[in-house]
Amino acid sequence: MTENPSHELATAEEWSRARQRETVLRSLLTQSSLSETDIRMASKRMGVRRAYFYRLFAAYKLCPKTSTLLPRAGGRPSGLHVLPAETESLVHKCIKEFYMSGVRPSFAALTRRIAQECRRVEVETPNYRTIRQRLAEYDPKELAKARFGTKAAGEAFRPVHANIQPALPFPASSNRSQSNGPDRSR
């Protein structure tokens, strides 16, 4: 409906459908008013229901490009935060002051602490997945530095400069006895 930012990923079939819909919509844009019959026929030609036709028509009117008619990914855009500002700041405060400490509390302990703080200020407790998502937004190196110390974080995140080259291909075992069975000479 609106321009798909990843329209490069659209399949040939989706582009074909979008071009077919565009021809229908372009012919309707030239008309001054649309009758109920025009709308019914156009939505039937496009293979969509009436409500979806209106959404496509409005989007195409705003941005008359074929890519506007490509299907969009559903759901919320990534990175969208829907928590109230007070809860959001409380989550980040608990992460910084409690989770990023040398005591190294578990994720479950962080979740309990956030729930406790939310009850104290009488706001709704966020879901554990939301807390995990907010935690994932922090730099892993900074989290490790705060929880395990600078040296441990440096060792965990420093580049590995090992250049191990085998001297020979896989070495053949030469000290095996020729028999197929176990060595029972002892």
C-alpha atoms as a PDB file:
ATOM      1  CA  MET A   1       0.000   0.000   0.000  1.00  0.00           C
ATOM      2  CA  THR A   2       2.617   2.591   0.957  1.00  0.00           C
ATOM      3  CA  GLU A   3       5.958   2.180  -0.693  1.00  0.00           C
ATOM      4  CA  ASN A   4       7.627  -0.992   0.489  1.00  0.00           C
ATOM      5  CA  PRO A   5      11.179  -0.199   1.628  1.00  0.00           C
ATOM      6  CA  SER A   6      12.276  -3.683   0.605  1.00  0.00           C
ATOM      7  CA  HIS A   7      10.606  -3.689  -2.813  1.00  0.00           C
ATOM      8  CA  GLU A   8      13.808  -5.220  -4.195  1.00  0.00           C
ATOM      9  CA  LEU A   9      12.773  -8.418  -2.398  1.00  0.00           C
ATOM     10  CA  ALA A  10       9.368  -8.635  -4.090  1.00  0.00           C
ATOM     11  CA  THR A  11       8.831 -11.653  -6.316  1.00  0.00           C
ATOM     12  CA  ALA A  12       8.020 -11.483 -10.023  1.00  0.00           C
ATOM     13  CA  GLU A  13       4.474 -12.617  -9.221  1.00  0.00           C
ATOM     14  CA  GLU A  14       4.000  -9.747  -6.749  1.00  0.00           C
ATOM     15  CA  TRP A  15       5.289  -7.236  -9.286  1.00  0.00           C
ATOM     16  CA  SER A  16       2.964  -8.669 -11.927  1.00  0.00           C
ATOM     17  CA  ARG A  17      -0.023  -8.363  -9.580  1.00  0.00           C
ATOM     18  CA  ALA A  18       0.995  -4.786  -8.705  1.00  0.00           C
ATOM     19  CA  ARG A  19       1.237  -3.831 -12.400  1.00  0.00           C
ATOM     20  CA  GLN A  20      -2.195  -5.347 -13.074  1.00  0.00           C
ATOM     21  CA  ARG A  21      -3.682  -3.406 -10.147  1.00  0.00           C
ATOM     22  CA  GLU A  22      -1.963  -0.244 -11.337  1.00  0.00           C
ATOM     23  CA  THR A  23      -3.644  -0.403 -14.754  1.00  0.00           C
ATOM     24  CA  VAL A  24      -7.042  -0.673 -13.055  1.00  0.00           C
ATOM     25  CA  LEU A  25      -6.344   2.146 -10.608  1.00  0.00           C
ATOM     26  CA  ARG A  26      -4.793   4.456 -13.210  1.00  0.00           C
ATOM     27  CA  SER A  27      -7.961   4.278 -15.305  1.00  0.00           C
ATOM     28  CA  LEU A  28     -10.036   5.167 -12.224  1.00  0.00           C
ATOM     29  CA  LEU A  29      -7.870   8.168 -11.319  1.00  0.00           C
ATOM     30  CA  THR A  30      -8.913   9.936 -14.506  1.00  0.00           C
ATOM     31  CA  GLN A  31     -12.593   9.806 -13.557  1.00  0.00           C
ATOM     32  CA  SER A  32     -14.041  12.715 -11.590  1.00  0.00           C
ATOM     33  CA  SER A  33     -16.327  10.522  -9.484  1.00  0.00           C
ATOM     34  CA  LEU A  34     -16.639   6.784  -8.961  1.00  0.00           C
ATOM     35  CA  SER A  35     -19.948   4.968  -8.930  1.00  0.00           C
ATOM     36  CA  GLU A  36     -20.697   1.936  -6.811  1.00  0.00           C
ATOM     37  CA  THR A  37     -20.613  -0.181  -9.973  1.00  0.00           C
ATOM     38  CA  ASP A  38     -17.167   1.154 -10.931  1.00  0.00           C
ATOM     39  CA  ILE A  39     -15.818   0.291  -7.496  1.00  0.00           C
ATOM     40  CA  ARG A  40     -17.371  -3.179  -7.517  1.00  0.00           C
ATOM     41  CA  MET A  41     -16.007  -3.944 -11.002  1.00  0.00           C
ATOM     42  CA  ALA A  42     -12.542  -2.577 -10.223  1.00  0.00           C
ATOM     43  CA  SER A  43     -12.228  -4.529  -6.988  1.00  0.00           C
ATOM     44  CA  LYS A  44     -13.371  -7.668  -8.812  1.00  0.00           C
ATOM     45  CA  ARG A  45     -10.777  -7.109 -11.575  1.00  0.00           C
ATOM     46  CA  MET A  46      -8.087  -6.574  -8.965  1.00  0.00           C
ATOM     47  CA  GLY A  47      -9.164  -9.627  -6.971  1.00  0.00           C
ATOM     48  CA  VAL A  48      -9.568  -7.760  -3.683  1.00  0.00           C
ATOM     49  CA  ARG A  49     -12.423  -6.882  -1.366  1.00  0.00           C
ATOM     50  CA  ARG A  50     -13.948  -3.431  -1.359  1.00  0.00           C
ATOM     51  CA  ALA A  51     -12.294  -2.181   1.830  1.00  0.00           C
ATOM     52  CA  TYR A  52      -8.856  -3.229   0.610  1.00  0.00           C
ATOM     53  CA  PHE A  53      -9.604  -1.617  -2.754  1.00  0.00           C
ATOM     54  CA  TYR A  54     -10.242   1.716  -1.000  1.00  0.00           C
ATOM     55  CA  ARG A  55      -6.931   1.411   0.893  1.00  0.00           C
ATOM     56  CA  LEU A  56      -5.023   0.618  -2.299  1.00  0.00           C
ATOM     57  CA  PHE A  57      -6.775   3.437  -4.170  1.00  0.00           C
ATOM     58  CA  ALA A  58      -5.969   5.987  -1.438  1.00  0.00           C
ATOM     59  CA  ALA A  59      -2.338   4.879  -1.244  1.00  0.00           C
ATOM     60  CA  TYR A  60      -1.950   4.977  -5.031  1.00  0.00           C
ATOM     61  CA  LYS A  61      -3.513   8.445  -5.148  1.00  0.00           C
ATOM     62  CA  LEU A  62      -0.898   9.708  -2.698  1.00  0.00           C
ATOM     63  CA  CYS A  63       2.026   7.999  -4.394  1.00  0.00           C
ATOM     64  CA  PRO A  64       1.233   6.817  -7.942  1.00  0.00           C
ATOM     65  CA  LYS A  65       3.981   4.210  -8.305  1.00  0.00           C
ATOM     66  CA  THR A  66       3.763   0.497  -8.989  1.00  0.00           C
ATOM     67  CA  SER A  67       5.805  -0.218  -5.851  1.00  0.00           C
ATOM     68  CA  THR A  68       3.048   1.392  -3.775  1.00  0.00           C
ATOM     69  CA  LEU A  69       0.824  -1.563  -4.663  1.00  0.00           C
ATOM     70  CA  LEU A  70       3.278  -4.243  -3.522  1.00  0.00           C
ATOM     71  CA  PRO A  71       2.297  -6.200  -0.405  1.00  0.00           C
ATOM     72  CA  ARG A  72       3.784  -4.912   2.832  1.00  0.00           C
ATOM     73  CA  ALA A  73       5.132  -6.911   5.717  1.00  0.00           C
ATOM     74  CA  GLY A  74       2.583  -7.065   8.521  1.00  0.00           C
ATOM     75  CA  GLY A  75       3.044  -6.152  12.125  1.00  0.00           C
ATOM     76  CA  ARG A  76       4.754  -3.286  13.845  1.00  0.00           C
ATOM     77  CA  PRO A  77       7.891  -1.761  12.402  1.00  0.00           C
ATOM     78  CA  SER A  78      11.058  -2.990  14.082  1.00  0.00           C
ATOM     79  CA  GLY A  79      12.362  -0.785  16.866  1.00  0.00           C
ATOM     80  CA  LEU A  80       8.954   0.647  17.699  1.00  0.00           C
ATOM     81  CA  HIS A  81       8.466   1.181  21.435  1.00  0.00           C
ATOM     82  CA  VAL A  82       4.882   1.175  22.683  1.00  0.00           C
ATOM     83  CA  LEU A  83       5.484   1.234  26.424  1.00  0.00           C
ATOM     84  CA  PRO A  84       4.507   4.396  28.264  1.00  0.00           C
ATOM     85  CA  ALA A  85       7.484   6.722  28.794  1.00  0.00           C
ATOM     86  CA  GLU A  86       7.438   6.185  32.566  1.00  0.00           C
ATOM     87  CA  THR A  87       7.613   2.385  32.206  1.00  0.00           C
ATOM     88  CA  GLU A  88      10.276   2.673  29.515  1.00  0.00           C
ATOM     89  CA  SER A  89      12.493   4.819  31.733  1.00  0.00           C
ATOM     90  CA  LEU A  90      11.932   2.476  34.683  1.00  0.00           C
ATOM     91  CA  VAL A  91      13.036  -0.542  32.605  1.00  0.00           C
ATOM     92  CA  HIS A  92      16.204   1.237  31.487  1.00  0.00           C
ATOM     93  CA  LYS A  93      16.906   2.441  35.036  1.00  0.00           C
ATOM     94  CA  CYS A  94      16.660  -1.141  36.359  1.00  0.00           C
ATOM     95  CA  ILE A  95      18.899  -2.440  33.586  1.00  0.00           C
ATOM     96  CA  LYS A  96      21.563   0.192  34.259  1.00  0.00           C
ATOM     97  CA  GLU A  97      21.459   0.196  38.047  1.00  0.00           C
ATOM     98  CA  PHE A  98      20.591  -3.436  38.792  1.00  0.00           C
ATOM     99  CA  TYR A  99      21.449  -5.698  35.857  1.00  0.00           C
ATOM    100  CA  MET A 100      24.667  -3.910  34.830  1.00  0.00           C
ATOM    101  CA  SER A 101      26.300  -4.449  38.214  1.00  0.00           C
ATOM    102  CA  GLY A 102      29.148  -6.602  39.430  1.00  0.00           C
ATOM    103  CA  VAL A 103      26.638  -8.775  41.311  1.00  0.00           C
ATOM    104  CA  ARG A 104      25.552 -10.169  37.900  1.00  0.00           C
ATOM    105  CA  PRO A 105      21.877 -10.873  38.606  1.00  0.00           C
ATOM    106  CA  SER A 106      20.054 -13.261  36.273  1.00  0.00           C
ATOM    107  CA  PHE A 107      17.525 -12.172  33.693  1.00  0.00           C
ATOM    108  CA  ALA A 108      14.767 -13.599  35.923  1.00  0.00           C
ATOM    109  CA  ALA A 109      16.020 -11.436  38.803  1.00  0.00           C
ATOM    110  CA  LEU A 110      15.936  -8.386  36.509  1.00  0.00           C
ATOM    111  CA  THR A 111      12.367  -9.211  35.493  1.00  0.00           C
ATOM    112  CA  ARG A 112      11.340  -9.531  39.155  1.00  0.00           C
ATOM    113  CA  ARG A 113      13.051  -6.231  40.030  1.00  0.00           C
ATOM    114  CA  ILE A 114      11.277  -4.426  37.192  1.00  0.00           C
ATOM    115  CA  ALA A 115       7.934  -5.910  38.272  1.00  0.00           C
ATOM    116  CA  GLN A 116       8.623  -4.808  41.859  1.00  0.00           C
ATOM    117  CA  GLU A 117       9.489  -1.260  40.768  1.00  0.00           C
ATOM    118  CA  CYS A 118       6.424  -1.099  38.501  1.00  0.00           C
ATOM    119  CA  ARG A 119       4.167  -2.095  41.394  1.00  0.00           C
ATOM    120  CA  ARG A 120       5.842   0.477  43.622  1.00  0.00           C
ATOM    121  CA  VAL A 121       5.072   3.351  41.208  1.00  0.00           C
ATOM    122  CA  GLU A 122       1.756   1.762  40.158  1.00  0.00           C
ATOM    123  CA  VAL A 123       2.376   1.250  36.448  1.00  0.00           C
ATOM    124  CA  GLU A 124       1.731  -1.851  34.373  1.00  0.00           C
ATOM    125  CA  THR A 125       4.543  -4.414  34.352  1.00  0.00           C
ATOM    126  CA  PRO A 126       5.997  -5.073  30.875  1.00  0.00           C
ATOM    127  CA  ASN A 127       6.147  -8.576  29.457  1.00  0.00           C
ATOM    128  CA  TYR A 128       9.435 -10.462  29.840  1.00  0.00           C
ATOM    129  CA  ARG A 129       9.861 -10.437  26.046  1.00  0.00           C
ATOM    130  CA  THR A 130       9.744  -6.646  26.090  1.00  0.00           C
ATOM    131  CA  ILE A 131      12.396  -6.566  28.804  1.00  0.00           C
ATOM    132  CA  ARG A 132      14.548  -8.998  26.802  1.00  0.00           C
ATOM    133  CA  GLN A 133      14.122  -6.786  23.736  1.00  0.00           C
ATOM    134  CA  ARG A 134      15.184  -3.661  25.665  1.00  0.00           C
ATOM    135  CA  LEU A 135      18.182  -5.544  27.046  1.00  0.00           C
ATOM    136  CA  ALA A 136      19.156  -6.601  23.517  1.00  0.00           C
ATOM    137  CA  GLU A 137      19.308  -2.917  22.523  1.00  0.00           C
ATOM    138  CA  TYR A 138      22.333  -2.429  24.784  1.00  0.00           C
ATOM    139  CA  ASP A 139      25.836  -2.952  23.441  1.00  0.00           C
ATOM    140  CA  PRO A 140      26.926  -6.499  24.434  1.00  0.00           C
ATOM    141  CA  LYS A 141      30.464  -5.279  25.100  1.00  0.00           C
ATOM    142  CA  GLU A 142      29.215  -2.574  27.497  1.00  0.00           C
ATOM    143  CA  LEU A 143      26.984  -5.110  29.274  1.00  0.00           C
ATOM    144  CA  ALA A 144      29.934  -7.507  29.675  1.00  0.00           C
ATOM    145  CA  LYS A 145      32.186  -4.687  30.887  1.00  0.00           C
ATOM    146  CA  ALA A 146      29.658  -3.645  33.535  1.00  0.00           C
ATOM    147  CA  ARG A 147      28.886  -7.192  34.668  1.00  0.00           C
ATOM    148  CA  PHE A 148      32.236  -8.999  34.334  1.00  0.00           C
ATOM    149  CA  GLY A 149      34.804  -6.191  34.314  1.00  0.00           C
ATOM    150  CA  THR A 150      36.913  -4.495  31.679  1.00  0.00           C
ATOM    151  CA  LYS A 151      39.480  -7.274  31.361  1.00  0.00           C
ATOM    152  CA  ALA A 152      36.912 -10.056  30.890  1.00  0.00           C
ATOM    153  CA  ALA A 153      34.949  -7.959  28.387  1.00  0.00           C
ATOM    154  CA  GLY A 154      38.136  -7.171  26.478  1.00  0.00           C
ATOM    155  CA  GLU A 155      39.077 -10.831  26.301  1.00  0.00           C
ATOM    156  CA  ALA A 156      35.596 -11.877  25.224  1.00  0.00           C
ATOM    157  CA  PHE A 157      35.270  -9.231  22.506  1.00  0.00           C
ATOM    158  CA  ARG A 158      38.821  -8.755  21.264  1.00  0.00           C
ATOM    159  CA  PRO A 159      39.575  -9.969  17.768  1.00  0.00           C
ATOM    160  CA  VAL A 160      41.202 -13.367  17.488  1.00  0.00           C
ATOM    161  CA  HIS A 161      44.471 -13.179  15.569  1.00  0.00           C
ATOM    162  CA  ALA A 162      45.321 -16.868  15.450  1.00  0.00           C
ATOM    163  CA  ASN A 163      46.722 -18.074  12.155  1.00  0.00           C
ATOM    164  CA  ILE A 164      46.808 -21.805  12.641  1.00  0.00           C
ATOM    165  CA  GLN A 165      47.952 -23.674   9.560  1.00  0.00           C
ATOM    166  CA  PRO A 166      48.237 -27.459   9.595  1.00  0.00           C
ATOM    167  CA  ALA A 167      51.706 -28.751   8.737  1.00  0.00           C
ATOM    168  CA  LEU A 168      50.345 -31.833   6.992  1.00  0.00           C
ATOM    169  CA  PRO A 169      46.952 -33.007   5.959  1.00  0.00           C
ATOM    170  CA  PHE A 170      45.290 -35.222   8.536  1.00  0.00           C
ATOM    171  CA  PRO A 171      48.111 -37.460   9.896  1.00  0.00           C
ATOM    172  CA  ALA A 172      47.786 -41.157   9.211  1.00  0.00           C
ATOM    173  CA  SER A 173      48.143 -43.412  12.231  1.00  0.00           C
ATOM    174  CA  SER A 174      51.222 -45.604  11.702  1.00  0.00           C
ATOM    175  CA  ASN A 175      51.405 -47.329  15.093  1.00  0.00           C
ATOM    176  CA  ARG A 176      48.216 -49.349  14.676  1.00  0.00           C
ATOM    177  CA  SER A 177      48.552 -53.064  14.457  1.00  0.00           C
ATOM    178  CA  GLN A 178      47.605 -54.713  11.229  1.00  0.00           C
ATOM    179  CA  SER A 179      44.919 -56.906  12.794  1.00  0.00           C
ATOM    180  CA  ASN A 180      41.335 -55.791  12.808  1.00  0.00           C
ATOM    181  CA  GLY A 181      40.643 -56.951  16.341  1.00  0.00           C
ATOM    182  CA  PRO A 182      41.749 -55.527  19.683  1.00  0.00           C
ATOM    183  CA  ASP A 183      45.346 -56.077  20.814  1.00  0.00           C
ATOM    184  CA  ARG A 184      45.245 -59.044  23.260  1.00  0.00           C
ATOM    185  CA  SER A 185      48.964 -59.683  23.545  1.00  0.00           C
ATOM    186  CA  ARG A 186      49.201 -58.488  27.126  1.00  0.00           C
END
